[in-house]
Amino acid sequence: MKKWLFILVGILLSHTLLAQKIKFQRVCNGGNNNLLSWVIVPNGCAIVSTLSVFARDGASLPYTKIDSLINPSNKSYIHLNSNVPSSKPWQYFLQIKIFCGGPDTLDFNSDTLNIDDIKPDSTILDSVSVDPITGVVYLAWTSNKTPDFSSYYLYNYDRADPRLIENYKDTFYTDLTPINPRSKSLSYDITSSDSCDNRRDYGNYKHQTIWLRSSVDTCLQKITLNWSPYIGWPVGQYEIYRSENGGAFNLIETLSSSTFSYNDNAIINSTIYSYFIRARKASGGSSSSSNSTAPILSGKSNNPKGTKISYVSTIGKNEIEISINRNPFSGYSSIDLLKNQIGSSPVVVNTFNNSESLYLDFNVNETQSYQYQLLSKNVCGIITDTSLISNNIVLSLKRSSAENALEWTRYFTWNNGVKEYVIYRASGNNIQEATNFTVYHNALKDTFYRDNTIDAPVNCYYILANELATNYTSKSNIVCYIKEGNVYYPNALTRFGTNTRFSFIGEGIDLSQSSIQIYNRWGMLEYSKDDISAGWMGINNNGEMVPSGVYFFMAQILVGNEKIQLNGNITVIQ
């Protein structure tokens, strides 16, 4: 009896020891494969076989041995293709054969484990705060108490890659290189993972920093603060801190949670001010600081200074374009553009507001010189800056012997001076052809030139001034020398054949600036047209072909700089 009692006690003791032999820790879903992990707990028992893995993919199915050749000293096992083609509800246990000093070796089975797909508890940020002195961002949170917790993942949504840091263990993080907190409100979040890398969803508990901006009104002697609300927890109040002349920040005002602006009227002339905002959590315990403002010097208006006319350029027939350049560090209420001719008083022709920088002056004669100047007003409406005077380039042409004498007004008050004047020339048999402008001569410092290489009936010119050290240019008006000659035209028009178009030819004519009226033999107007470059094809004003017969025309043809009247007959033949 004692012998059997001893054997029974030995078996129970052996099983007690066996229970410490292997600890099955977890089964992780690794996509196509499942990953099993365990630890061996040393004791007096000896492992006398390899480790076997049993599994089933449904609670109602029997367990099947899937591998029996695993070295017990391993700590993990990959069940290959266990989730191909889709995930299954796998259950596993481990088995080893051990000897613990009794009469027999025994099989020991571990606990049965399912796939671990339980996510850890959520981790929520306690606060996100900007250091108003250094600009770094501090994040803090309470440690995750989930038993299988592994690590934290931090995110900042203002970066192209929002992952801030991964596999982080601490409960405090300093973002030493954040996006500039003076440029926007910064958004952060956190999630946690377990040993199977199951992660809690993130994005529902974002925290956003307070973004503080400031502006100074030198007219009213006040500084206005505006800030974005703290996002992350309910705010109980906002506190405003102010520094004077680089000293310590002191609390100057406490405001409600629904207030996002403040006017500081208690400022002193010639004093440097900086501010930051602190949000207090409604339930207490947490706070968050904003960025600090850039130092503001009171009593010193950022008055307009150095406002420039970028260029004055002729861009079309009797059309001048003026471009201006603001000083980005100045405060403007408006900029007036003055214009005058020599001997006349300046008048305001335009007021630039907001970000406008171009003005087209149509009230000009391109052969006359005009002067332009800018008057800049500060935020108080007071003129504090006057630009240099700038002018358009006026080009003139005189025919002398066998050359064209070009002269132009000097372009003055470039901000950097004129690098060179460039002459562009176009040639052709008539005005319509003289449009292919190319550089004829450059590197000129003078304002006159003699062109004695004239080999076409029409030669047109314009001047382009290039500014030193910039890409700014100024263009003059266009002038042309037109060699005048006889004007010819056909006396018949056929519906079919070679002479299907009635038009005028001759040296120096400009058909685009010419016109014609055509009458039938009873004196009724059949056709009238300005710009007769396309010619007449025997169609009346209604778009219908006119009958055969003789028609009378009156044409006003521009030849050179004068219009001549031509009258005659044209016969339309079927």
Protein backbone atom coordinates (compact mmCIF):
# COMPACT_ATOMS: atom_id res chain seq x y z
CA MET A 1 0.00 0.00 0.00
CA LYS A 2 2.81 2.40 0.89
CA LYS A 3 4.55 1.49 -2.34
CA TRP A 4 1.57 2.46 -4.46
CA LEU A 5 1.05 5.61 -2.39
CA PHE A 6 4.67 6.54 -3.04
CA ILE A 7 4.27 5.97 -6.75
CA LEU A 8 1.06 8.09 -6.82
CA VAL A 9 2.71 10.93 -4.94
CA GLY A 10 5.72 10.71 -7.27
CA ILE A 11 3.48 10.92 -10.32
CA LEU A 12 1.63 13.96 -8.91
CA LEU A 13 4.92 15.61 -8.02
CA SER A 14 6.27 14.85 -11.45
CA HIS A 15 3.21 16.45 -13.07
CA THR A 16 3.66 19.47 -10.83
CA LEU A 17 7.20 19.81 -12.11
CA LEU A 18 6.04 19.11 -15.64
CA ALA A 19 3.69 22.07 -15.48
CA GLN A 20 6.75 24.31 -15.28
CA LYS A 21 8.60 22.67 -18.13
CA ILE A 22 7.21 24.61 -21.16
CA LYS A 23 5.26 27.87 -21.30
CA PHE A 24 3.34 28.50 -24.54
CA GLN A 25 3.32 32.31 -24.79
CA ARG A 26 1.48 33.43 -27.92
CA VAL A 27 0.36 32.78 -31.50
CA CYS A 28 0.66 35.78 -33.81
CA ASN A 29 -0.96 36.24 -37.20
CA GLY A 30 1.91 37.07 -39.55
CA GLY A 31 -0.09 37.33 -42.75
CA ASN A 32 0.23 34.11 -44.75
CA ASN A 33 1.95 32.40 -41.81
CA ASN A 34 1.33 32.10 -38.07
CA LEU A 35 4.19 32.61 -35.61
CA LEU A 36 4.27 30.53 -32.38
CA SER A 37 6.42 31.55 -29.39
CA TRP A 38 7.27 29.76 -26.15
CA VAL A 39 9.84 29.56 -23.36
CA ILE A 40 11.34 26.56 -21.59
CA VAL A 41 11.37 26.81 -17.79
CA PRO A 42 14.42 24.97 -16.39
CA ASN A 43 13.84 22.40 -13.60
CA GLY A 44 14.93 18.86 -12.71
CA CYS A 45 13.22 17.21 -15.67
CA ALA A 46 15.05 16.23 -18.84
CA ILE A 47 13.65 16.59 -22.35
CA VAL A 48 14.08 13.29 -24.16
CA SER A 49 12.52 14.11 -27.53
CA THR A 50 11.93 16.86 -30.07
CA LEU A 51 9.00 19.28 -29.68
CA SER A 52 5.77 18.60 -31.57
CA VAL A 53 3.14 21.09 -32.65
CA PHE A 54 -0.53 20.16 -32.83
CA ALA A 55 -3.12 22.38 -34.49
CA ARG A 56 -6.69 22.55 -35.75
CA ASP A 57 -8.43 25.25 -37.82
CA GLY A 58 -11.84 24.92 -36.19
CA ALA A 59 -13.15 24.28 -32.67
CA SER A 60 -15.11 21.20 -33.78
CA LEU A 61 -12.15 19.58 -35.59
CA PRO A 62 -9.60 17.17 -34.08
CA TYR A 63 -6.03 18.31 -33.51
CA THR A 64 -3.44 17.22 -36.06
CA LYS A 65 0.29 16.98 -35.56
CA ILE A 66 1.78 19.47 -38.06
CA ASP A 67 5.43 19.11 -37.05
CA SER A 68 7.35 16.85 -34.65
CA LEU A 69 10.98 17.66 -35.41
CA ILE A 70 11.36 20.98 -33.60
CA ASN A 71 14.41 21.50 -31.42
CA PRO A 72 13.09 22.32 -27.90
CA SER A 73 15.83 24.91 -27.48
CA ASN A 74 14.13 27.02 -30.14
CA LYS A 75 11.84 29.78 -28.97
CA SER A 76 9.57 30.11 -31.99
CA TYR A 77 8.04 28.25 -34.90
CA ILE A 78 6.52 29.44 -38.18
CA HIS A 79 3.46 27.62 -39.40
CA LEU A 80 3.97 28.22 -43.12
CA ASN A 81 1.01 29.11 -45.38
CA SER A 82 -1.40 28.60 -42.52
CA ASN A 83 -3.56 31.48 -43.77
CA VAL A 84 -3.45 30.71 -47.50
CA PRO A 85 -5.74 31.44 -49.22
CA SER A 86 -7.46 33.11 -46.22
CA SER A 87 -7.17 33.42 -42.45
CA LYS A 88 -8.52 30.56 -40.29
CA PRO A 89 -9.40 30.24 -36.58
CA TRP A 90 -6.34 28.20 -35.67
CA GLN A 91 -5.79 26.63 -32.21
CA TYR A 92 -2.45 25.15 -31.13
CA PHE A 93 -0.74 23.25 -28.32
CA LEU A 94 2.83 21.99 -27.88
CA GLN A 95 3.99 18.55 -26.74
CA ILE A 96 7.32 17.25 -25.44
CA LYS A 97 8.46 13.94 -23.92
CA ILE A 98 10.31 14.35 -20.65
CA PHE A 99 11.88 12.29 -17.87
CA CYS A 100 11.65 13.54 -14.29
CA GLY A 101 13.23 10.66 -12.34
CA GLY A 102 10.12 8.45 -12.19
CA PRO A 103 9.75 5.00 -13.66
CA ASP A 104 8.58 6.33 -17.08
CA THR A 105 8.92 9.11 -19.59
CA LEU A 106 5.78 11.14 -19.99
CA ASP A 107 4.22 13.31 -22.69
CA PHE A 108 3.64 16.88 -21.55
CA ASN A 109 1.14 19.12 -23.36
CA SER A 110 1.23 22.89 -23.06
CA ASP A 111 -1.78 25.16 -22.73
CA THR A 112 -3.97 25.56 -25.81
CA LEU A 113 -3.75 28.99 -27.47
CA ASN A 114 -5.77 30.74 -30.13
CA ILE A 115 -4.36 33.32 -32.53
CA ASP A 116 -3.80 36.54 -30.61
CA ASP A 117 -5.81 39.24 -32.42
CA ILE A 118 -6.80 41.20 -29.33
CA LYS A 119 -5.53 44.75 -29.55
CA PRO A 120 -4.00 46.40 -26.49
CA ASP A 121 -5.84 49.12 -24.62
CA SER A 122 -5.84 52.55 -26.25
CA THR A 123 -3.10 54.99 -25.40
CA ILE A 124 -4.12 58.65 -25.47
CA LEU A 125 -1.82 61.64 -25.31
CA ASP A 126 -2.08 63.69 -22.13
CA SER A 127 -0.69 66.85 -23.73
CA VAL A 128 1.28 68.27 -26.64
CA SER A 129 3.08 71.50 -25.83
CA VAL A 130 5.44 73.88 -27.64
CA ASP A 131 8.38 75.26 -25.73
CA PRO A 132 7.96 79.02 -26.35
CA ILE A 133 11.71 79.60 -25.97
CA THR A 134 13.24 76.76 -28.03
CA GLY A 135 10.32 75.85 -30.30
CA VAL A 136 10.64 72.10 -29.59
CA VAL A 137 7.46 70.10 -29.00
CA TYR A 138 6.91 67.96 -25.87
CA LEU A 139 4.53 64.97 -25.85
CA ALA A 140 3.47 63.10 -22.71
CA TRP A 141 1.07 60.23 -21.95
CA THR A 142 0.14 57.69 -19.30
CA SER A 143 1.78 54.25 -19.54
CA ASN A 144 -0.26 51.47 -21.12
CA LYS A 145 -1.21 48.77 -18.58
CA THR A 146 -2.15 46.03 -21.05
CA PRO A 147 -0.36 42.80 -19.86
CA ASP A 148 0.88 42.00 -23.38
CA PHE A 149 1.88 45.62 -24.17
CA SER A 150 4.99 45.99 -26.32
CA SER A 151 5.64 49.56 -27.56
CA TYR A 152 4.29 52.97 -28.66
CA TYR A 153 4.10 54.51 -32.13
CA LEU A 154 4.03 58.31 -32.46
CA TYR A 155 2.74 60.26 -35.46
CA ASN A 156 3.00 63.85 -36.70
CA TYR A 157 0.59 64.58 -39.57
CA ASP A 158 2.44 67.68 -40.75
CA ARG A 159 5.27 65.66 -42.28
CA ALA A 160 5.20 63.89 -45.63
CA ASP A 161 5.83 60.65 -43.69
CA PRO A 162 3.70 60.96 -40.52
CA ARG A 163 5.66 58.30 -38.60
CA LEU A 164 7.51 60.21 -35.90
CA ILE A 165 9.02 57.28 -33.97
CA GLU A 166 8.24 53.55 -33.73
CA ASN A 167 8.80 50.83 -31.09
CA TYR A 168 9.15 53.48 -28.41
CA LYS A 169 9.01 52.43 -24.75
CA ASP A 170 8.99 55.66 -22.73
CA THR A 171 5.98 57.84 -21.82
CA PHE A 172 7.60 61.15 -22.78
CA TYR A 173 8.95 62.31 -26.13
CA THR A 174 10.62 65.51 -27.33
CA ASP A 175 10.27 66.44 -31.02
CA LEU A 176 13.52 68.34 -31.48
CA THR A 177 12.98 69.14 -35.18
CA PRO A 178 9.27 69.88 -35.59
CA ILE A 179 7.68 71.72 -38.47
CA ASN A 180 8.01 75.39 -37.53
CA PRO A 181 5.30 75.87 -34.85
CA ARG A 182 5.09 79.56 -35.83
CA SER A 183 3.84 78.55 -39.30
CA LYS A 184 0.83 76.39 -38.39
CA SER A 185 -0.89 74.27 -35.77
CA LEU A 186 0.91 70.91 -35.46
CA SER A 187 -1.06 67.65 -35.17
CA TYR A 188 0.17 64.60 -33.20
CA ASP A 189 -1.20 61.16 -32.29
CA ILE A 190 -0.13 57.91 -30.60
CA THR A 191 -1.04 54.23 -30.74
CA SER A 192 0.19 51.15 -28.89
CA SER A 193 1.04 47.59 -29.94
CA ASP A 194 1.36 44.22 -28.21
CA SER A 195 3.93 41.45 -28.69
CA CYS A 196 2.07 40.30 -31.84
CA ASP A 197 2.19 43.91 -33.15
CA ASN A 198 -1.56 44.23 -32.85
CA ARG A 199 -2.11 47.99 -32.85
CA ARG A 200 -4.93 50.15 -31.72
CA ASP A 201 -6.41 52.38 -34.42
CA TYR A 202 -5.24 55.98 -34.31
CA GLY A 203 -6.57 59.23 -35.69
CA ASN A 204 -9.54 59.66 -33.33
CA TYR A 205 -7.62 61.30 -30.49
CA LYS A 206 -5.37 63.80 -32.24
CA HIS A 207 -3.79 66.60 -30.27
CA GLN A 208 -3.08 69.89 -32.05
CA THR A 209 -0.81 72.61 -30.75
CA ILE A 210 -1.89 76.19 -30.22
CA TRP A 211 -0.75 78.37 -33.13
CA LEU A 212 -0.23 81.98 -32.07
CA ARG A 213 0.05 84.94 -34.47
CA SER A 214 0.44 88.64 -33.73
CA SER A 215 0.14 91.98 -35.49
CA VAL A 216 0.86 95.52 -34.42
CA ASP A 217 -1.24 98.59 -35.12
CA THR A 218 1.13 101.52 -34.87
CA CYS A 219 -1.73 103.95 -35.40
CA LEU A 220 -3.72 102.75 -32.38
CA GLN A 221 -0.63 101.60 -30.44
CA LYS A 222 -1.94 98.08 -29.81
CA ILE A 223 -0.77 94.51 -30.45
CA THR A 224 -3.39 91.96 -31.51
CA LEU A 225 -2.99 88.26 -30.76
CA ASN A 226 -4.88 85.50 -32.55
CA TRP A 227 -4.53 81.79 -31.84
CA SER A 228 -6.02 78.45 -32.82
CA PRO A 229 -7.79 76.38 -30.14
CA TYR A 230 -5.98 73.54 -28.40
CA ILE A 231 -7.35 70.25 -29.73
CA GLY A 232 -7.10 67.10 -27.58
CA TRP A 233 -9.09 67.74 -24.44
CA PRO A 234 -11.68 70.32 -23.25
CA VAL A 235 -9.98 73.61 -22.43
CA GLY A 236 -10.93 75.34 -19.21
CA GLN A 237 -9.15 78.62 -19.87
CA TYR A 238 -6.40 80.32 -21.85
CA GLU A 239 -3.62 82.27 -20.18
CA ILE A 240 -1.62 85.01 -21.93
CA TYR A 241 2.03 85.46 -21.04
CA ARG A 242 4.10 88.46 -22.10
CA SER A 243 7.82 89.23 -22.13
CA GLU A 244 9.22 92.76 -22.29
CA ASN A 245 12.68 93.49 -23.75
CA GLY A 246 13.74 89.83 -23.60
CA GLY A 247 12.88 89.40 -19.91
CA ALA A 248 10.87 86.66 -18.18
CA PHE A 249 7.35 85.85 -19.35
CA ASN A 250 4.63 86.97 -16.97
CA LEU A 251 0.92 86.18 -16.89
CA ILE A 252 -1.06 89.26 -18.02
CA GLU A 253 -4.55 87.89 -18.70
CA THR A 254 -6.80 84.83 -18.26
CA LEU A 255 -9.54 84.26 -20.83
CA SER A 256 -12.41 81.83 -21.38
CA SER A 257 -12.05 78.68 -23.47
CA SER A 258 -14.12 80.22 -26.28
CA THR A 259 -11.83 83.25 -26.75
CA PHE A 260 -9.16 83.12 -29.43
CA SER A 261 -8.03 86.72 -29.77
CA TYR A 262 -6.74 89.47 -27.51
CA ASN A 263 -5.78 93.14 -27.89
CA ASP A 264 -2.89 94.29 -25.73
CA ASN A 265 -3.41 98.03 -25.34
CA ALA A 266 -1.02 98.43 -22.41
CA ILE A 267 2.12 98.78 -24.49
CA ILE A 268 4.91 101.31 -24.18
CA ASN A 269 6.74 103.01 -27.03
CA SER A 270 10.08 101.53 -28.14
CA THR A 271 9.58 98.33 -26.11
CA ILE A 272 10.14 94.81 -27.48
CA TYR A 273 7.26 92.42 -26.73
CA SER A 274 6.90 88.64 -27.09
CA TYR A 275 3.89 86.48 -26.15
CA PHE A 276 2.78 82.89 -25.72
CA ILE A 277 -0.53 81.23 -24.81
CA ARG A 278 -1.10 78.43 -22.31
CA ALA A 279 -4.22 76.26 -22.31
CA ARG A 280 -5.41 74.68 -19.06
CA LYS A 281 -7.41 71.45 -19.13
CA ALA A 282 -10.98 71.89 -17.88
CA SER A 283 -10.66 69.02 -15.41
CA GLY A 284 -7.16 70.10 -14.34
CA GLY A 285 -3.90 68.24 -14.44
CA SER A 286 -2.68 69.11 -17.95
CA SER A 287 -1.65 72.23 -19.80
CA SER A 288 -0.25 73.09 -23.21
CA SER A 289 1.82 76.05 -24.38
CA SER A 290 1.79 77.71 -27.80
CA ASN A 291 4.69 78.94 -29.84
CA SER A 292 6.00 82.36 -28.90
CA THR A 293 5.54 85.31 -31.21
CA ALA A 294 8.44 86.94 -32.97
CA PRO A 295 9.64 89.97 -30.98
CA ILE A 296 7.55 93.06 -31.74
CA LEU A 297 9.00 96.55 -31.37
CA SER A 298 6.23 98.93 -30.31
CA GLY A 299 6.13 102.47 -31.58
CA LYS A 300 8.05 101.48 -34.69
CA SER A 301 5.79 101.15 -37.69
CA ASN A 302 6.86 98.83 -40.47
CA ASN A 303 6.31 101.75 -42.81
CA PRO A 304 6.64 101.20 -46.56
CA LYS A 305 10.22 101.61 -47.65
CA GLY A 306 12.03 100.80 -50.88
CA THR A 307 8.92 100.34 -53.03
CA LYS A 308 10.06 100.20 -56.64
CA ILE A 309 8.77 100.44 -60.17
CA SER A 310 10.02 97.20 -61.72
CA TYR A 311 9.56 98.36 -65.30
CA VAL A 312 7.63 100.63 -67.65
CA SER A 313 7.16 99.01 -71.04
CA THR A 314 5.15 99.62 -74.23
CA ILE A 315 3.36 96.33 -74.91
CA GLY A 316 0.89 97.29 -77.65
CA LYS A 317 -0.46 100.06 -79.79
CA ASN A 318 -0.86 103.01 -77.37
CA GLU A 319 -0.63 100.70 -74.34
CA ILE A 320 1.96 100.93 -71.56
CA GLU A 321 2.42 98.35 -68.77
CA ILE A 322 3.75 99.35 -65.34
CA SER A 323 4.96 96.71 -62.88
CA ILE A 324 5.74 97.44 -59.22
CA ASN A 325 7.67 95.62 -56.52
CA ARG A 326 6.56 95.86 -52.88
CA ASN A 327 8.83 95.50 -49.87
CA PRO A 328 7.57 92.29 -48.15
CA PHE A 329 8.58 93.66 -44.74
CA SER A 330 6.50 96.83 -45.08
CA GLY A 331 2.92 97.47 -44.08
CA TYR A 332 0.85 99.10 -46.82
CA SER A 333 -2.63 100.51 -46.89
CA SER A 334 -2.29 101.42 -50.58
CA ILE A 335 0.14 102.56 -53.29
CA ASP A 336 -0.76 105.43 -55.63
CA LEU A 337 0.64 105.56 -59.17
CA LEU A 338 1.36 109.10 -60.41
CA LYS A 339 1.71 109.98 -64.09
CA ASN A 340 2.67 113.15 -65.88
CA GLN A 341 4.04 114.51 -69.14
CA ILE A 342 6.88 117.00 -69.22
CA GLY A 343 5.51 120.37 -68.18
CA SER A 344 2.30 119.01 -66.63
CA SER A 345 1.37 118.27 -63.03
CA PRO A 346 1.32 114.62 -61.83
CA VAL A 347 -2.09 112.95 -61.43
CA VAL A 348 -3.06 109.67 -59.75
CA VAL A 349 -3.97 107.17 -62.48
CA ASN A 350 -4.23 104.02 -60.33
CA THR A 351 -4.24 102.82 -56.72
CA PHE A 352 -2.69 99.42 -55.98
CA ASN A 353 -4.47 97.52 -53.21
CA ASN A 354 -3.92 94.07 -51.74
CA SER A 355 -1.31 92.20 -53.80
CA GLU A 356 -1.81 93.89 -57.19
CA SER A 357 1.43 94.55 -59.05
CA LEU A 358 0.49 95.39 -62.67
CA TYR A 359 -1.29 98.32 -64.30
CA LEU A 360 -2.08 98.80 -67.99
CA ASP A 361 -2.27 102.43 -69.05
CA PHE A 362 -4.42 102.75 -72.20
CA ASN A 363 -4.67 106.52 -71.99
CA VAL A 364 -1.36 107.15 -73.75
CA ASN A 365 0.14 108.09 -77.09
CA GLU A 366 3.08 105.75 -77.63
CA THR A 367 5.08 108.47 -79.40
CA GLN A 368 5.05 110.67 -76.27
CA SER A 369 7.12 110.32 -73.12
CA TYR A 370 5.43 109.84 -69.73
CA GLN A 371 6.84 109.78 -66.22
CA TYR A 372 5.57 107.45 -63.48
CA GLN A 373 6.14 107.46 -59.73
CA LEU A 374 4.81 105.57 -56.69
CA LEU A 375 3.55 107.03 -53.42
CA SER A 376 3.25 104.35 -50.69
CA LYS A 377 0.97 104.80 -47.67
CA ASN A 378 1.42 103.00 -44.36
CA VAL A 379 -1.37 101.34 -42.41
CA CYS A 380 -2.35 104.74 -41.06
CA GLY A 381 -2.86 106.09 -44.59
CA ILE A 382 0.21 108.33 -44.39
CA ILE A 383 2.61 108.59 -47.34
CA THR A 384 5.95 107.29 -46.08
CA ASP A 385 7.76 106.26 -49.25
CA THR A 386 8.23 107.76 -52.71
CA SER A 387 9.77 105.74 -55.51
CA LEU A 388 12.18 106.97 -58.15
CA ILE A 389 10.64 108.34 -61.33
CA SER A 390 10.52 106.00 -64.30
CA ASN A 391 9.58 106.60 -67.92
CA ASN A 392 8.65 104.83 -71.15
CA ILE A 393 11.11 104.66 -74.05
CA VAL A 394 10.00 106.65 -77.12
CA LEU A 395 11.67 105.65 -80.38
CA SER A 396 11.68 107.90 -83.46
CA LEU A 397 12.92 107.34 -87.02
CA LYS A 398 14.17 109.83 -89.61
CA ARG A 399 15.11 108.95 -93.15
CA SER A 400 18.48 110.45 -94.11
CA SER A 401 20.06 109.71 -97.48
CA ALA A 402 20.28 105.90 -97.70
CA GLU A 403 20.00 105.18 -93.97
CA ASN A 404 17.44 105.13 -91.20
CA ALA A 405 18.38 107.33 -88.25
CA LEU A 406 17.03 105.91 -84.97
CA GLU A 407 16.86 107.95 -81.76
CA TRP A 408 15.17 107.14 -78.46
CA THR A 409 14.68 108.61 -75.03
CA ARG A 410 16.99 107.28 -72.35
CA TYR A 411 15.38 104.89 -69.91
CA PHE A 412 16.24 106.28 -66.49
CA THR A 413 15.84 105.38 -62.81
CA TRP A 414 16.38 101.69 -63.25
CA ASN A 415 16.90 100.31 -59.78
CA ASN A 416 20.23 98.85 -60.88
CA GLY A 417 20.93 100.89 -64.02
CA VAL A 418 20.71 100.01 -67.72
CA LYS A 419 22.99 97.24 -68.91
CA GLU A 420 22.37 97.81 -72.64
CA TYR A 421 19.90 98.84 -75.30
CA VAL A 422 19.04 96.20 -77.91
CA ILE A 423 17.66 97.06 -81.37
CA TYR A 424 15.11 94.67 -82.86
CA ARG A 425 14.31 94.88 -86.59
CA ALA A 426 11.74 93.27 -88.89
CA SER A 427 11.64 93.56 -92.69
CA GLY A 428 9.21 92.76 -95.48
CA ASN A 429 7.57 93.89 -98.67
CA ASN A 430 4.74 95.50 -96.71
CA ILE A 431 3.60 96.14 -93.15
CA GLN A 432 1.88 92.74 -92.91
CA GLU A 433 5.19 90.98 -93.57
CA ALA A 434 7.33 93.13 -91.27
CA THR A 435 6.53 91.26 -88.05
CA ASN A 436 9.47 88.84 -87.75
CA PHE A 437 11.45 90.90 -85.23
CA THR A 438 14.96 89.64 -84.43
CA VAL A 439 17.95 91.18 -82.67
CA TYR A 440 19.66 93.51 -85.14
CA HIS A 441 22.17 95.21 -82.86
CA ASN A 442 22.91 95.08 -79.12
CA ALA A 443 25.45 96.17 -76.47
CA LEU A 444 24.48 99.80 -77.07
CA LYS A 445 24.97 102.46 -74.42
CA ASP A 446 24.03 105.41 -76.63
CA THR A 447 20.48 106.37 -77.54
CA PHE A 448 20.94 106.68 -81.31
CA TYR A 449 21.89 104.40 -84.20
CA ARG A 450 22.19 104.66 -88.00
CA ASP A 451 20.94 101.71 -90.06
CA ASN A 452 22.45 101.76 -93.57
CA THR A 453 21.79 98.11 -94.43
CA ILE A 454 18.31 98.63 -95.82
CA ASP A 455 17.34 96.12 -98.48
CA ALA A 456 13.55 95.77 -98.12
CA PRO A 457 10.62 98.07 -98.89
CA VAL A 458 9.55 98.03 -95.20
CA ASN A 459 11.81 98.06 -92.10
CA CYS A 460 10.35 98.27 -88.58
CA TYR A 461 12.22 98.71 -85.28
CA TYR A 462 11.82 98.74 -81.50
CA ILE A 463 14.26 99.16 -78.60
CA LEU A 464 14.58 96.85 -75.58
CA ALA A 465 16.42 98.07 -72.49
CA ASN A 466 17.91 95.42 -70.18
CA GLU A 467 18.44 96.17 -66.51
CA LEU A 468 21.71 95.30 -64.79
CA ALA A 469 21.67 92.15 -62.60
CA THR A 470 17.94 91.40 -63.16
CA ASN A 471 15.60 90.01 -65.80
CA TYR A 472 13.59 93.24 -66.05
CA THR A 473 13.25 94.83 -69.49
CA SER A 474 11.54 97.87 -70.99
CA LYS A 475 10.27 97.96 -74.55
CA SER A 476 9.76 101.05 -76.73
CA ASN A 477 7.10 101.77 -79.31
CA ILE A 478 7.49 100.37 -82.85
CA VAL A 479 8.50 102.66 -85.75
CA CYS A 480 8.68 101.75 -89.43
CA TYR A 481 10.27 103.14 -92.60
CA ILE A 482 8.08 102.35 -95.59
CA LYS A 483 9.32 102.77 -99.12
CA GLU A 484 6.34 104.11 -101.00
CA GLY A 485 5.51 102.97 -104.55
CA ASN A 486 2.62 102.62 -106.97
CA VAL A 487 -0.48 100.66 -105.98
CA TYR A 488 -1.82 98.04 -108.40
CA TYR A 489 -5.05 96.05 -108.53
CA PRO A 490 -6.79 93.71 -111.05
CA ASN A 491 -9.76 94.83 -113.15
CA ALA A 492 -11.56 91.49 -113.19
CA LEU A 493 -12.56 88.77 -110.74
CA THR A 494 -13.43 85.20 -111.80
CA ARG A 495 -15.40 82.65 -109.82
CA PHE A 496 -13.02 79.92 -110.90
CA GLY A 497 -9.47 79.98 -112.19
CA THR A 498 -6.47 81.96 -111.03
CA ASN A 499 -7.86 85.43 -110.35
CA THR A 500 -10.46 84.60 -107.67
CA ARG A 501 -9.48 87.35 -105.21
CA PHE A 502 -9.56 91.14 -105.66
CA SER A 503 -6.77 92.86 -103.71
CA PHE A 504 -4.15 95.62 -103.88
CA ILE A 505 -0.38 95.23 -104.18
CA GLY A 506 2.46 97.71 -103.97
CA GLU A 507 5.41 98.77 -101.87
CA GLY A 508 4.69 100.32 -98.48
CA ILE A 509 0.97 99.57 -98.30
CA ASP A 510 -0.74 98.44 -95.11
CA LEU A 511 -3.94 96.60 -96.01
CA SER A 512 -4.77 95.94 -92.34
CA GLN A 513 -5.23 99.70 -91.90
CA SER A 514 -7.09 100.12 -95.22
CA SER A 515 -10.80 99.88 -96.13
CA ILE A 516 -13.06 99.43 -99.18
CA GLN A 517 -16.70 99.91 -100.30
CA ILE A 518 -18.06 98.11 -103.40
CA TYR A 519 -21.28 99.21 -105.21
CA ASN A 520 -23.36 97.59 -107.97
CA ARG A 521 -24.28 99.41 -111.17
CA TRP A 522 -27.41 100.88 -109.56
CA GLY A 523 -25.31 102.46 -106.79
CA MET A 524 -26.37 100.01 -104.07
CA LEU A 525 -23.68 99.10 -101.49
CA GLU A 526 -22.84 95.39 -101.84
CA TYR A 527 -19.76 95.08 -99.66
CA SER A 528 -17.94 97.16 -97.01
CA LYS A 529 -14.88 96.13 -95.01
CA ASP A 530 -12.15 97.57 -92.78
CA ASP A 531 -8.86 95.61 -92.79
CA ILE A 532 -8.82 94.31 -96.35
CA SER A 533 -5.82 92.00 -95.92
CA ALA A 534 -7.89 89.00 -97.03
CA GLY A 535 -9.14 90.67 -100.24
CA TRP A 536 -12.63 90.48 -101.82
CA MET A 537 -13.91 87.19 -103.28
CA GLY A 538 -17.16 88.43 -104.85
CA ILE A 539 -19.34 87.97 -101.75
CA ASN A 540 -21.73 90.65 -100.49
CA ASN A 541 -22.29 91.66 -96.86
CA ASN A 542 -24.88 88.86 -96.50
CA GLY A 543 -22.34 86.22 -97.47
CA GLU A 544 -23.89 85.59 -100.90
CA MET A 545 -22.14 85.56 -104.27
CA VAL A 546 -22.89 88.71 -106.26
CA PRO A 547 -24.18 88.36 -109.86
CA SER A 548 -21.82 88.76 -112.81
CA GLY A 549 -21.33 92.30 -113.97
CA VAL A 550 -19.40 95.51 -113.45
CA TYR A 551 -18.97 96.92 -109.92
CA PHE A 552 -17.59 100.24 -108.72
CA PHE A 553 -15.21 100.45 -105.73
CA MET A 554 -13.90 103.19 -103.45
CA ALA A 555 -10.82 102.24 -101.42
CA GLN A 556 -8.82 104.05 -98.74
CA ILE A 557 -5.29 102.58 -98.84
CA LEU A 558 -2.62 103.35 -96.25
CA VAL A 559 0.65 103.94 -98.09
CA GLY A 560 3.52 104.77 -95.79
CA ASN A 561 2.06 107.12 -93.21
CA GLU A 562 -0.72 108.53 -95.40
CA LYS A 563 -3.99 107.19 -96.78
CA ILE A 564 -4.78 107.61 -100.47
CA GLN A 565 -8.19 107.35 -102.12
CA LEU A 566 -8.50 104.92 -105.03
CA ASN A 567 -11.67 104.60 -107.18
CA GLY A 568 -12.22 102.15 -110.00
CA ASN A 569 -14.20 99.35 -111.62
CA ILE A 570 -14.01 95.59 -111.15
CA THR A 571 -15.78 93.10 -113.42
CA VAL A 572 -17.11 89.88 -111.85
CA ILE A 573 -17.08 87.00 -114.38
CA GLN A 574 -18.87 83.70 -113.94
